[in-house]
Amino acid sequence: MEIKNKTLLNIAEALVARKDEILAVNKIDYDKAKASGLLTCQKNYLRMKKIKKRIGDFKETRGIAYQAIHQFSIC
């Protein structure tokens, strides 16, 4: 489980680190989507509008779970 969480955290951090590069490439798709009448939520996905919040939520949830596990540990 710890390996999975560390992997997810590394992926999240890599996305944030390369956000500008990803957004630049996605802008091409976004412009095409806008011209074709794609739904706003689908366009926002291309813009990665909520990625920082989702990554923050993941880190917070992971931290709470870690504390709970170690707080109630018998050993």
N, C-alpha and C. Protein backbone atom coordinates (compact mmCIF):
# COMPACT_ATOMS: atom_id res chain seq x y z
N MET A 1 0.83 -1.20 0.00
CA MET A 1 0.00 0.00 0.00
C MET A 1 0.87 1.26 0.00
N GLU A 2 1.95 1.24 0.78
CA GLU A 2 2.84 2.40 0.84
C GLU A 2 3.50 2.68 -0.51
N ILE A 3 3.86 1.64 -1.23
CA ILE A 3 4.47 1.81 -2.55
C ILE A 3 3.48 2.49 -3.49
N LYS A 4 2.22 2.05 -3.45
CA LYS A 4 1.18 2.64 -4.30
C LYS A 4 1.00 4.12 -3.97
N ASN A 5 0.91 4.44 -2.67
CA ASN A 5 0.72 5.83 -2.27
C ASN A 5 1.90 6.70 -2.68
N LYS A 6 3.11 6.18 -2.51
CA LYS A 6 4.31 6.94 -2.91
C LYS A 6 4.32 7.16 -4.42
N THR A 7 3.92 6.14 -5.16
CA THR A 7 3.86 6.26 -6.62
C THR A 7 2.85 7.31 -7.03
N LEU A 8 1.66 7.29 -6.43
CA LEU A 8 0.63 8.29 -6.74
C LEU A 8 1.11 9.69 -6.39
N LEU A 9 1.77 9.83 -5.27
CA LEU A 9 2.30 11.13 -4.87
C LEU A 9 3.36 11.62 -5.84
N ASN A 10 4.24 10.73 -6.29
CA ASN A 10 5.26 11.10 -7.28
C ASN A 10 4.63 11.54 -8.59
N ILE A 11 3.59 10.84 -9.03
CA ILE A 11 2.88 11.22 -10.26
C ILE A 11 2.25 12.60 -10.09
N ALA A 12 1.60 12.82 -8.95
CA ALA A 12 0.96 14.11 -8.70
C ALA A 12 1.98 15.24 -8.72
N GLU A 13 3.11 15.03 -8.08
CA GLU A 13 4.15 16.06 -8.04
C GLU A 13 4.75 16.30 -9.42
N ALA A 14 4.88 15.26 -10.22
CA ALA A 14 5.39 15.42 -11.59
C ALA A 14 4.42 16.22 -12.44
N LEU A 15 3.13 15.98 -12.25
CA LEU A 15 2.12 16.75 -12.99
C LEU A 15 2.19 18.23 -12.64
N VAL A 16 2.33 18.52 -11.35
CA VAL A 16 2.43 19.92 -10.93
C VAL A 16 3.71 20.55 -11.47
N ALA A 17 4.81 19.82 -11.41
CA ALA A 17 6.09 20.35 -11.88
C ALA A 17 6.07 20.66 -13.37
N ARG A 18 5.31 19.89 -14.14
CA ARG A 18 5.27 20.08 -15.60
C ARG A 18 3.96 20.70 -16.06
N LYS A 19 3.25 21.31 -15.13
CA LYS A 19 1.93 21.87 -15.42
C LYS A 19 1.96 22.82 -16.61
N ASP A 20 2.91 23.75 -16.64
CA ASP A 20 2.96 24.74 -17.72
C ASP A 20 3.14 24.07 -19.08
N GLU A 21 4.01 23.08 -19.13
CA GLU A 21 4.25 22.35 -20.38
C GLU A 21 2.99 21.60 -20.82
N ILE A 22 2.35 20.94 -19.87
CA ILE A 22 1.13 20.19 -20.18
C ILE A 22 0.02 21.13 -20.64
N LEU A 23 -0.13 22.26 -19.96
CA LEU A 23 -1.17 23.22 -20.33
C LEU A 23 -0.93 23.81 -21.72
N ALA A 24 0.32 24.04 -22.06
CA ALA A 24 0.64 24.58 -23.39
C ALA A 24 0.20 23.61 -24.49
N VAL A 25 0.46 22.33 -24.28
CA VAL A 25 0.06 21.33 -25.26
C VAL A 25 -1.46 21.17 -25.26
N ASN A 26 -2.06 21.18 -24.06
CA ASN A 26 -3.51 21.02 -23.97
C ASN A 26 -4.27 22.21 -24.55
N LYS A 27 -3.62 23.38 -24.64
CA LYS A 27 -4.29 24.55 -25.20
C LYS A 27 -4.73 24.30 -26.63
N ILE A 28 -3.95 23.56 -27.36
CA ILE A 28 -4.31 23.21 -28.74
C ILE A 28 -5.61 22.42 -28.74
N ASP A 29 -5.67 21.40 -27.88
CA ASP A 29 -6.89 20.59 -27.78
C ASP A 29 -8.05 21.41 -27.24
N TYR A 30 -7.76 22.30 -26.28
CA TYR A 30 -8.80 23.15 -25.70
C TYR A 30 -9.42 24.04 -26.77
N ASP A 31 -8.59 24.66 -27.59
CA ASP A 31 -9.10 25.53 -28.64
C ASP A 31 -9.97 24.77 -29.63
N LYS A 32 -9.56 23.55 -29.96
CA LYS A 32 -10.37 22.70 -30.85
C LYS A 32 -11.69 22.33 -30.18
N ALA A 33 -11.62 22.01 -28.89
CA ALA A 33 -12.83 21.64 -28.14
C ALA A 33 -13.79 22.81 -28.06
N LYS A 34 -13.26 23.99 -27.84
CA LYS A 34 -14.09 25.19 -27.75
C LYS A 34 -14.81 25.43 -29.08
N ALA A 35 -14.09 25.27 -30.17
CA ALA A 35 -14.67 25.48 -31.49
C ALA A 35 -15.73 24.44 -31.82
N SER A 36 -15.59 23.24 -31.26
CA SER A 36 -16.54 22.17 -31.58
C SER A 36 -17.74 22.14 -30.65
N GLY A 37 -17.76 23.01 -29.63
CA GLY A 37 -18.91 23.07 -28.73
C GLY A 37 -18.87 22.06 -27.59
N LEU A 38 -17.69 21.62 -27.20
CA LEU A 38 -17.54 20.67 -26.10
C LEU A 38 -18.09 21.27 -24.81
N LEU A 39 -18.57 20.44 -23.92
CA LEU A 39 -19.11 20.91 -22.65
C LEU A 39 -18.04 21.62 -21.82
N THR A 40 -18.48 22.57 -21.00
CA THR A 40 -17.56 23.34 -20.17
C THR A 40 -16.72 22.44 -19.27
N CYS A 41 -17.36 21.44 -18.66
CA CYS A 41 -16.60 20.55 -17.76
C CYS A 41 -15.52 19.80 -18.52
N GLN A 42 -15.79 19.45 -19.76
CA GLN A 42 -14.78 18.75 -20.57
C GLN A 42 -13.64 19.70 -20.94
N LYS A 43 -13.98 20.95 -21.22
CA LYS A 43 -12.93 21.93 -21.53
C LYS A 43 -12.08 22.21 -20.29
N ASN A 44 -12.72 22.28 -19.12
CA ASN A 44 -11.98 22.51 -17.88
C ASN A 44 -11.02 21.37 -17.59
N TYR A 45 -11.42 20.16 -17.94
CA TYR A 45 -10.54 19.01 -17.77
C TYR A 45 -9.26 19.21 -18.59
N LEU A 46 -9.41 19.67 -19.81
CA LEU A 46 -8.24 19.92 -20.65
C LEU A 46 -7.34 21.01 -20.06
N ARG A 47 -7.94 21.94 -19.37
CA ARG A 47 -7.17 23.03 -18.77
C ARG A 47 -6.59 22.63 -17.42
N MET A 48 -6.93 21.44 -16.94
CA MET A 48 -6.47 20.93 -15.64
C MET A 48 -6.81 21.91 -14.53
N LYS A 49 -8.02 22.44 -14.62
CA LYS A 49 -8.45 23.52 -13.74
C LYS A 49 -8.38 23.17 -12.25
N LYS A 50 -8.63 21.92 -11.92
CA LYS A 50 -8.71 21.56 -10.51
C LYS A 50 -7.57 20.65 -10.05
N ILE A 51 -6.53 20.53 -10.83
CA ILE A 51 -5.49 19.54 -10.50
C ILE A 51 -4.79 19.83 -9.18
N LYS A 52 -4.46 21.08 -8.91
CA LYS A 52 -3.77 21.40 -7.65
C LYS A 52 -4.64 21.06 -6.45
N LYS A 53 -5.94 21.35 -6.55
CA LYS A 53 -6.84 21.03 -5.44
C LYS A 53 -6.91 19.53 -5.23
N ARG A 54 -7.02 18.77 -6.29
CA ARG A 54 -7.11 17.31 -6.16
C ARG A 54 -5.83 16.73 -5.56
N ILE A 55 -4.69 17.26 -5.96
CA ILE A 55 -3.42 16.79 -5.41
C ILE A 55 -3.33 17.14 -3.93
N GLY A 56 -3.75 18.35 -3.58
CA GLY A 56 -3.77 18.76 -2.17
C GLY A 56 -4.70 17.88 -1.35
N ASP A 57 -5.87 17.56 -1.90
CA ASP A 57 -6.81 16.67 -1.22
C ASP A 57 -6.18 15.30 -0.99
N PHE A 58 -5.48 14.79 -2.01
CA PHE A 58 -4.83 13.48 -1.89
C PHE A 58 -3.80 13.50 -0.77
N LYS A 59 -2.96 14.54 -0.74
CA LYS A 59 -1.92 14.62 0.28
C LYS A 59 -2.54 14.72 1.68
N GLU A 60 -3.61 15.51 1.80
CA GLU A 60 -4.28 15.67 3.09
C GLU A 60 -4.89 14.34 3.55
N THR A 61 -5.59 13.67 2.66
CA THR A 61 -6.21 12.38 3.00
C THR A 61 -5.16 11.37 3.39
N ARG A 62 -4.08 11.34 2.65
CA ARG A 62 -2.98 10.41 2.95
C ARG A 62 -2.40 10.69 4.33
N GLY A 63 -2.23 11.97 4.65
CA GLY A 63 -1.68 12.34 5.96
C GLY A 63 -2.60 11.96 7.10
N ILE A 64 -3.90 12.18 6.93
CA ILE A 64 -4.88 11.82 7.96
C ILE A 64 -4.89 10.31 8.18
N ALA A 65 -4.89 9.56 7.10
CA ALA A 65 -4.89 8.09 7.20
C ALA A 65 -3.63 7.61 7.91
N TYR A 66 -2.49 8.19 7.57
CA TYR A 66 -1.22 7.80 8.19
C TYR A 66 -1.26 8.05 9.70
N GLN A 67 -1.77 9.22 10.09
CA GLN A 67 -1.85 9.55 11.52
C GLN A 67 -2.79 8.60 12.25
N ALA A 68 -3.92 8.30 11.64
CA ALA A 68 -4.90 7.41 12.27
C ALA A 68 -4.32 6.01 12.47
N ILE A 69 -3.63 5.51 11.49
CA ILE A 69 -3.04 4.18 11.59
C ILE A 69 -2.01 4.13 12.72
N HIS A 70 -1.16 5.15 12.80
CA HIS A 70 -0.10 5.14 13.80
C HIS A 70 -0.59 5.54 15.19
N GLN A 71 -1.66 6.29 15.26
CA GLN A 71 -2.21 6.70 16.55
C GLN A 71 -2.83 5.50 17.28
N PHE A 72 -3.45 4.62 16.54
CA PHE A 72 -4.15 3.49 17.14
C PHE A 72 -3.35 2.19 17.05
N SER A 73 -2.09 2.30 16.74
CA SER A 73 -1.24 1.11 16.65
C SER A 73 -1.04 0.50 18.04
N ILE A 74 -1.15 -0.80 18.11
CA ILE A 74 -0.99 -1.51 19.38
C ILE A 74 0.48 -1.59 19.77
N CYS A 75 1.35 -1.74 18.82
CA CYS A 75 2.79 -1.90 19.10
C CYS A 75 3.46 -0.59 19.37
